[in-house]
C-alpha atoms as a PDB file:
ATOM      1  CA  MET A   1      88.434-111.425-209.442  1.00  0.00           C
ATOM      2  CA  SER A   2      85.291-112.312-207.525  1.00  0.00           C
ATOM      3  CA  ALA A   3      81.645-113.034-208.090  1.00  0.00           C
ATOM      4  CA  ALA A   4      80.824-109.385-207.553  1.00  0.00           C
ATOM      5  CA  VAL A   5      83.575-108.311-209.906  1.00  0.00           C
ATOM      6  CA  ALA A   6      82.495-110.798-212.554  1.00  0.00           C
ATOM      7  CA  ILE A   7      78.922-109.563-212.318  1.00  0.00           C
ATOM      8  CA  ALA A   8      79.785-105.881-212.078  1.00  0.00           C
ATOM      9  CA  GLN A   9      82.869-105.432-214.246  1.00  0.00           C
ATOM     10  CA  ALA A  10      80.861-104.143-217.163  1.00  0.00           C
ATOM     11  CA  ARG A  11      79.940-101.270-214.850  1.00  0.00           C
ATOM     12  CA  SER A  12      83.173-100.916-212.896  1.00  0.00           C
ATOM     13  CA  GLU A  13      85.541-100.935-215.866  1.00  0.00           C
ATOM     14  CA  SER A  14      83.759 -98.013-217.538  1.00  0.00           C
ATOM     15  CA  PRO A  15      84.145 -95.242-214.937  1.00  0.00           C
ATOM     16  CA  ASP A  16      83.987 -92.246-217.275  1.00  0.00           C
ATOM     17  CA  ALA A  17      80.185 -92.134-217.302  1.00  0.00           C
ATOM     18  CA  ALA A  18      79.747 -93.099-213.650  1.00  0.00           C
ATOM     19  CA  THR A  19      79.166 -90.598-210.852  1.00  0.00           C
ATOM     20  CA  HIS A  20      78.848 -92.994-207.927  1.00  0.00           C
ATOM     21  CA  THR A  21      80.214 -96.275-206.675  1.00  0.00           C
ATOM     22  CA  PHE A  22      77.882 -99.224-206.267  1.00  0.00           C
ATOM     23  CA  ALA A  23      77.322-101.306-203.157  1.00  0.00           C
ATOM     24  CA  ASN A  24      78.741-104.825-203.316  1.00  0.00           C
ATOM     25  CA  GLU A  25      76.961-107.642-201.485  1.00  0.00           C
ATOM     26  CA  ASP A  26      79.043-110.076-199.464  1.00  0.00           C
ATOM     27  CA  ARG A  27      77.113-113.224-200.339  1.00  0.00           C
ATOM     28  CA  ASP A  28      77.136-116.297-202.495  1.00  0.00           C
ATOM     29  CA  PHE A  29      76.133-115.709-206.143  1.00  0.00           C
ATOM     30  CA  PRO A  30      74.694-119.044-207.354  1.00  0.00           C
ATOM     31  CA  GLU A  31      73.014-117.235-210.235  1.00  0.00           C
ATOM     32  CA  TRP A  32      76.531-116.542-211.512  1.00  0.00           C
ATOM     33  CA  HIS A  33      78.467-119.728-210.758  1.00  0.00           C
ATOM     34  CA  GLY A  34      75.633-122.250-211.119  1.00  0.00           C
ATOM     35  CA  GLY A  35      77.168-124.530-208.511  1.00  0.00           C
ATOM     36  CA  ILE A  36      80.660-124.587-210.057  1.00  0.00           C
ATOM     37  CA  ALA A  37      83.098-124.555-207.153  1.00  0.00           C
ATOM     38  CA  ARG A  38      86.017-122.460-208.371  1.00  0.00           C
ATOM     39  CA  TYR A  39      86.962-119.622-210.689  1.00  0.00           C
ATOM     40  CA  GLY A  40      90.411-119.265-212.242  1.00  0.00           C
ATOM     41  CA  PHE A  41      92.552-116.305-213.240  1.00  0.00           C
ATOM     42  CA  TRP A  42      96.112-115.486-214.267  1.00  0.00           C
ATOM     43  CA  ALA A  43      97.991-113.012-212.109  1.00  0.00           C
ATOM     44  CA  VAL A  44     101.200-111.637-210.718  1.00  0.00           C
ATOM     45  CA  VAL A  45     101.075-112.643-207.061  1.00  0.00           C
ATOM     46  CA  VAL A  46     102.688-109.896-205.007  1.00  0.00           C
ATOM     47  CA  ASP A  47     105.239-111.489-202.683  1.00  0.00           C
ATOM     48  CA  CYS A  48     107.372-108.575-201.523  1.00  0.00           C
ATOM     49  CA  PRO A  49     107.397-107.164-197.959  1.00  0.00           C
ATOM     50  CA  HIS A  50     107.531-103.541-199.142  1.00  0.00           C
ATOM     51  CA  TRP A  51     104.586-104.021-201.501  1.00  0.00           C
ATOM     52  CA  GLN A  52     102.702-105.914-198.801  1.00  0.00           C
ATOM     53  CA  ALA A  53     103.190-102.892-196.528  1.00  0.00           C
ATOM     54  CA  LEU A  54     101.841-100.634-199.293  1.00  0.00           C
ATOM     55  CA  PHE A  55      98.827-102.937-199.697  1.00  0.00           C
ATOM     56  CA  ASP A  56      98.179-102.920-195.946  1.00  0.00           C
ATOM     57  CA  ALA A  57      98.472 -99.118-195.677  1.00  0.00           C
ATOM     58  CA  ALA A  58      96.167 -98.559-198.652  1.00  0.00           C
ATOM     59  CA  THR A  59      93.654-101.030-197.206  1.00  0.00           C
ATOM     60  CA  ARG A  60      93.593 -99.108-193.922  1.00  0.00           C
ATOM     61  CA  HIS A  61      93.045 -95.858-195.808  1.00  0.00           C
ATOM     62  CA  VAL A  62      89.832 -97.102-197.456  1.00  0.00           C
ATOM     63  CA  VAL A  63      88.437 -99.043-194.493  1.00  0.00           C
ATOM     64  CA  ALA A  64      85.417 -96.746-194.082  1.00  0.00           C
ATOM     65  CA  HIS A  65      84.371 -97.295-197.712  1.00  0.00           C
ATOM     66  CA  VAL A  66      84.757-101.035-198.195  1.00  0.00           C
ATOM     67  CA  LEU A  67      83.156-104.241-197.008  1.00  0.00           C
ATOM     68  CA  PRO A  68      84.818-105.786-193.948  1.00  0.00           C
ATOM     69  CA  GLY A  69      86.640-109.066-194.309  1.00  0.00           C
ATOM     70  CA  TYR A  70      88.566-108.667-197.580  1.00  0.00           C
ATOM     71  CA  ARG A  71      91.053-111.566-197.419  1.00  0.00           C
ATOM     72  CA  ARG A  72      92.246-111.872-200.990  1.00  0.00           C
ATOM     73  CA  GLN A  73      96.028-111.792-201.199  1.00  0.00           C
ATOM     74  CA  PRO A  74      97.631-108.856-203.027  1.00  0.00           C
ATOM     75  CA  HIS A  75      97.845-109.646-206.711  1.00  0.00           C
ATOM     76  CA  ILE A  76      97.727-107.984-210.111  1.00  0.00           C
ATOM     77  CA  THR A  77      95.320-109.783-212.411  1.00  0.00           C
ATOM     78  CA  ILE A  78      96.591-110.370-215.941  1.00  0.00           C
ATOM     79  CA  ALA A  79      93.426-112.003-217.262  1.00  0.00           C
ATOM     80  CA  ALA A  80      90.336-113.751-215.973  1.00  0.00           C
ATOM     81  CA  ALA A  81      90.240-117.385-217.041  1.00  0.00           C
ATOM     82  CA  GLY A  82      86.737-118.548-216.143  1.00  0.00           C
ATOM     83  CA  LEU A  83      84.721-120.980-214.088  1.00  0.00           C
ATOM     84  CA  LEU A  84      86.687-124.195-213.726  1.00  0.00           C
ATOM     85  CA  ASP A  85      84.640-126.820-215.480  1.00  0.00           C
ATOM     86  CA  GLU A  86      84.523-128.318-218.931  1.00  0.00           C
ATOM     87  CA  ALA A  87      81.710-126.050-220.150  1.00  0.00           C
ATOM     88  CA  HIS A  88      83.635-122.880-219.341  1.00  0.00           C
ATOM     89  CA  LEU A  89      87.387-123.153-218.821  1.00  0.00           C
ATOM     90  CA  SER A  90      88.122-126.737-219.762  1.00  0.00           C
ATOM     91  CA  VAL A  91      91.263-128.591-218.779  1.00  0.00           C
ATOM     92  CA  ALA A  92      92.379-128.397-222.416  1.00  0.00           C
ATOM     93  CA  LEU A  93      91.942-124.609-222.577  1.00  0.00           C
ATOM     94  CA  ARG A  94      93.778-124.128-219.299  1.00  0.00           C
ATOM     95  CA  GLN A  95      96.644-126.287-220.605  1.00  0.00           C
ATOM     96  CA  ARG A  96      96.789-124.252-223.815  1.00  0.00           C
ATOM     97  CA  GLN A  97      97.041-121.056-221.796  1.00  0.00           C
ATOM     98  CA  ALA A  98      99.807-122.527-219.640  1.00  0.00           C
ATOM     99  CA  ASP A  99     101.695-123.629-222.742  1.00  0.00           C
ATOM    100  CA  ALA A 100     101.324-120.132-224.188  1.00  0.00           C
ATOM    101  CA  MET A 101     102.821-118.638-221.026  1.00  0.00           C
ATOM    102  CA  ARG A 102     105.737-121.044-221.137  1.00  0.00           C
ATOM    103  CA  ALA A 103     106.383-120.174-224.777  1.00  0.00           C
ATOM    104  CA  THR A 104     105.916-116.438-224.527  1.00  0.00           C
ATOM    105  CA  GLY A 105     109.601-115.539-224.508  1.00  0.00           C
ATOM    106  CA  GLU A 106     108.810-112.726-222.085  1.00  0.00           C
ATOM    107  CA  GLY A 107     111.632-112.040-219.658  1.00  0.00           C
ATOM    108  CA  ALA A 108     111.439-110.666-216.140  1.00  0.00           C
ATOM    109  CA  PHE A 109     110.052-107.125-215.961  1.00  0.00           C
ATOM    110  CA  ASP A 110     109.344-104.358-213.471  1.00  0.00           C
ATOM    111  CA  LEU A 111     106.045-102.899-212.295  1.00  0.00           C
ATOM    112  CA  HIS A 112     105.671 -99.579-210.483  1.00  0.00           C
ATOM    113  CA  ALA A 113     103.123 -98.507-207.879  1.00  0.00           C
ATOM    114  CA  GLY A 114     100.950 -95.569-208.877  1.00  0.00           C
ATOM    115  CA  PRO A 115      98.410 -93.588-206.855  1.00  0.00           C
ATOM    116  CA  LEU A 116      95.174 -94.854-205.377  1.00  0.00           C
ATOM    117  CA  ASP A 117      92.379 -94.870-207.948  1.00  0.00           C
ATOM    118  CA  SER A 118      88.905 -96.314-208.292  1.00  0.00           C
ATOM    119  CA  PHE A 119      86.571 -98.344-210.408  1.00  0.00           C
ATOM    120  CA  THR A 120      82.927 -98.005-209.513  1.00  0.00           C
ATOM    121  CA  GLY A 121      83.082-101.345-207.704  1.00  0.00           C
ATOM    122  CA  SER A 122      86.440-101.169-205.952  1.00  0.00           C
ATOM    123  CA  PRO A 123      89.322 -98.908-204.938  1.00  0.00           C
ATOM    124  CA  HIS A 124      92.775 -99.951-206.038  1.00  0.00           C
ATOM    125  CA  VAL A 125      96.444 -99.062-206.349  1.00  0.00           C
ATOM    126  CA  ALA A 126      97.117 -98.166-209.978  1.00  0.00           C
ATOM    127  CA  ILE A 127      99.993-100.123-211.538  1.00  0.00           C
ATOM    128  CA  ARG A 128     102.381 -98.751-214.142  1.00  0.00           C
ATOM    129  CA  ASP A 129     103.846-101.240-216.602  1.00  0.00           C
ATOM    130  CA  PRO A 130     106.457 -99.330-218.618  1.00  0.00           C
ATOM    131  CA  SER A 131     107.491-102.321-220.727  1.00  0.00           C
ATOM    132  CA  GLY A 132     103.927-103.296-221.642  1.00  0.00           C
ATOM    133  CA  ALA A 133     104.634-106.886-220.583  1.00  0.00           C
ATOM    134  CA  LEU A 134     101.297-107.354-218.799  1.00  0.00           C
ATOM    135  CA  SER A 135      99.348-106.360-221.888  1.00  0.00           C
ATOM    136  CA  ARG A 136     101.387-108.714-224.068  1.00  0.00           C
ATOM    137  CA  LEU A 137     100.831-111.631-221.691  1.00  0.00           C
ATOM    138  CA  ARG A 138      97.131-110.772-221.462  1.00  0.00           C
ATOM    139  CA  ALA A 139      96.778-110.747-225.241  1.00  0.00           C
ATOM    140  CA  ARG A 140      98.271-114.250-225.487  1.00  0.00           C
ATOM    141  CA  LEU A 141      95.903-115.578-222.840  1.00  0.00           C
ATOM    142  CA  GLN A 142      92.835-113.927-224.338  1.00  0.00           C
ATOM    143  CA  ALA A 143      93.654-115.277-227.791  1.00  0.00           C
ATOM    144  CA  ILE A 144      92.890-118.701-226.284  1.00  0.00           C
ATOM    145  CA  ALA A 145      90.011-117.866-223.914  1.00  0.00           C
ATOM    146  CA  ARG A 146      88.463-114.452-223.200  1.00  0.00           C
ATOM    147  CA  HIS A 147      86.427-113.961-220.039  1.00  0.00           C
ATOM    148  CA  ASP A 148      86.992-110.266-219.326  1.00  0.00           C
ATOM    149  CA  PRO A 149      84.656-107.593-220.708  1.00  0.00           C
ATOM    150  CA  PRO A 150      86.027-105.811-223.798  1.00  0.00           C
ATOM    151  CA  ALA A 151      87.317-102.736-221.976  1.00  0.00           C
ATOM    152  CA  ALA A 152      90.707-101.075-221.805  1.00  0.00           C
ATOM    153  CA  TYR A 153      93.059-103.001-219.515  1.00  0.00           C
ATOM    154  CA  ARG A 154      94.040-101.071-216.392  1.00  0.00           C
ATOM    155  CA  PRO A 155      96.526-103.041-214.269  1.00  0.00           C
ATOM    156  CA  HIS A 156      95.716-102.596-210.613  1.00  0.00           C
ATOM    157  CA  LEU A 157      96.016-103.952-207.097  1.00  0.00           C
ATOM    158  CA  THR A 158      92.521-104.252-205.594  1.00  0.00           C
ATOM    159  CA  ILE A 159      92.298-103.170-201.936  1.00  0.00           C
ATOM    160  CA  GLY A 160      88.645-103.914-201.220  1.00  0.00           C
ATOM    161  CA  LEU A 161      85.078-103.778-202.511  1.00  0.00           C
ATOM    162  CA  TYR A 162      82.783-100.805-201.902  1.00  0.00           C
ATOM    163  CA  ARG A 163      80.144-101.446-199.250  1.00  0.00           C
ATOM    164  CA  ASP A 164      77.777 -98.628-200.213  1.00  0.00           C
ATOM    165  CA  VAL A 165      76.933 -96.010-202.831  1.00  0.00           C
ATOM    166  CA  PHE A 166      79.397 -93.122-202.585  1.00  0.00           C
ATOM    167  CA  SER A 167      79.975 -90.090-204.749  1.00  0.00           C
ATOM    168  CA  LEU A 168      82.989 -90.836-206.925  1.00  0.00           C
ATOM    169  CA  ALA A 169      84.070 -87.223-206.554  1.00  0.00           C
ATOM    170  CA  SER A 170      84.256 -87.626-202.764  1.00  0.00           C
ATOM    171  CA  VAL A 171      85.933 -91.004-203.104  1.00  0.00           C
ATOM    172  CA  HIS A 172      88.628 -89.613-205.394  1.00  0.00           C
ATOM    173  CA  HIS A 173      89.183 -86.729-202.976  1.00  0.00           C
ATOM    174  CA  HIS A 174      89.728 -89.231-200.172  1.00  0.00           C
ATOM    175  CA  LEU A 175      92.007 -91.443-202.266  1.00  0.00           C
ATOM    176  CA  ALA A 176      94.110 -88.460-203.321  1.00  0.00           C
ATOM    177  CA  ALA A 177      94.935 -87.798-199.657  1.00  0.00           C
ATOM    178  CA  PHE A 178      96.839 -91.091-199.459  1.00  0.00           C
ATOM    179  CA  ARG A 179     100.577 -90.709-199.779  1.00  0.00           C
ATOM    180  CA  VAL A 180     101.915 -93.744-201.583  1.00  0.00           C
ATOM    181  CA  PRO A 181     104.994 -94.909-199.684  1.00  0.00           C
ATOM    182  CA  ALA A 182     108.181 -95.128-201.695  1.00  0.00           C
ATOM    183  CA  VAL A 183     108.595 -98.710-202.840  1.00  0.00           C
ATOM    184  CA  THR A 184     111.120-100.185-205.202  1.00  0.00           C
ATOM    185  CA  PRO A 185     109.767-101.536-208.488  1.00  0.00           C
ATOM    186  CA  LEU A 186     108.185-104.957-208.227  1.00  0.00           C
ATOM    187  CA  ARG A 187     110.390-107.371-210.157  1.00  0.00           C
ATOM    188  CA  VAL A 188     108.135-109.911-211.863  1.00  0.00           C
ATOM    189  CA  ARG A 189     109.871-113.226-212.460  1.00  0.00           C
ATOM    190  CA  GLU A 190     106.858-115.518-212.790  1.00  0.00           C
ATOM    191  CA  VAL A 191     103.150-115.591-213.508  1.00  0.00           C
ATOM    192  CA  SER A 192     100.631-117.733-211.678  1.00  0.00           C
ATOM    193  CA  PHE A 193      97.360-119.475-212.391  1.00  0.00           C
ATOM    194  CA  CYS A 194      95.133-119.020-209.356  1.00  0.00           C
ATOM    195  CA  ALA A 195      91.645-120.040-208.286  1.00  0.00           C
ATOM    196  CA  TYR A 196      89.208-119.023-205.570  1.00  0.00           C
ATOM    197  CA  SER A 197      85.996-120.464-204.182  1.00  0.00           C
ATOM    198  CA  THR A 198      83.015-119.041-206.032  1.00  0.00           C
ATOM    199  CA  ARG A 199      81.027-119.057-202.787  1.00  0.00           C
ATOM    200  CA  GLU A 200      83.345-116.558-201.081  1.00  0.00           C
ATOM    201  CA  LEU A 201      83.142-112.994-202.342  1.00  0.00           C
ATOM    202  CA  GLN A 202      86.294-111.879-200.554  1.00  0.00           C
ATOM    203  CA  GLY A 203      88.057-115.154-199.788  1.00  0.00           C
ATOM    204  CA  ARG A 204      91.651-116.171-200.347  1.00  0.00           C
ATOM    205  CA  PHE A 205      92.825-117.886-203.516  1.00  0.00           C
ATOM    206  CA  ASP A 206      95.061-120.883-204.175  1.00  0.00           C
ATOM    207  CA  ILE A 207      98.001-120.866-206.573  1.00  0.00           C
ATOM    208  CA  LEU A 208      97.541-123.866-208.859  1.00  0.00           C
ATOM    209  CA  ASP A 209     100.447-123.302-211.259  1.00  0.00           C
ATOM    210  CA  THR A 210     103.461-121.002-211.425  1.00  0.00           C
ATOM    211  CA  ILE A 211     105.369-120.408-214.633  1.00  0.00           C
ATOM    212  CA  PRO A 212     108.824-118.747-214.533  1.00  0.00           C
ATOM    213  CA  LEU A 213     109.491-116.117-217.144  1.00  0.00           C
ATOM    214  CA  GLU A 214     112.346-116.653-219.551  1.00  0.00           C
ATOM    215  CA  ASN A 215     115.738-115.499-218.206  1.00  0.00           C
ATOM    216  CA  ALA A 216     114.098-114.632-214.883  1.00  0.00           C
END
C-alpha cells in the first residue's frame, strides 16, 4: 500500500471499465496523510529466494512502464489497516486486530504464483489462494477496522507503479509475454503487521509485529 494506492484504489481496483492506466506521481501526499508519519497494513511478507527471483524478473519485465525507484519489499497485502494515529488506526484497534490474528485458528497454507496482471495503477503478479485462507484472514481484520475500498479482493504481488498513461490492451499484451518461472508454492507460516513512511511513495516498510499461524 502507498499514498498513491490509497488515493487511487477506487480506480485501480475496478479495471473492468478502464481502458488505460493512470500516471502515478512520486511525491509526498500531505493532502492524504495530513502529517501522520506512518501507514499500517497486514501482509504476507515474501521471504523465499525463489519468489524473490520471480519478483525481480517480473520487475525487470515492466521497467519501461513503471516509476523508477520502487523499493517496497515483495509482499502480499491481506488488508490495509490505516494511518497510525488515534483518530484512524488507534493502538486499541491495532491490538484487537492482532488478537484476532492470534485467535484465528488458521494453520499454515500455500499460495501459488499466477501470471502477470494489472490494475489501472500498478502491474502485479496474480496470486492464487486455493484454500481461501487470505480471504478468511482479511474478513477477520476488516470486521474490526476497514480501510480498503469495497471491491472484490484480488491477492497480488505489486511490482511497481505506472509512470504514465498506457493503453491497458497494450499493457496486457506486454505482460502476457512474460513467462512466469516455475516456483514452488509459497508456504505461509505467519502474517505480519507492517508500516511505511507516508512521505515515501515507493519506500521500504518495517515489520512491526509477526504472528505465527496455528500449527505452522
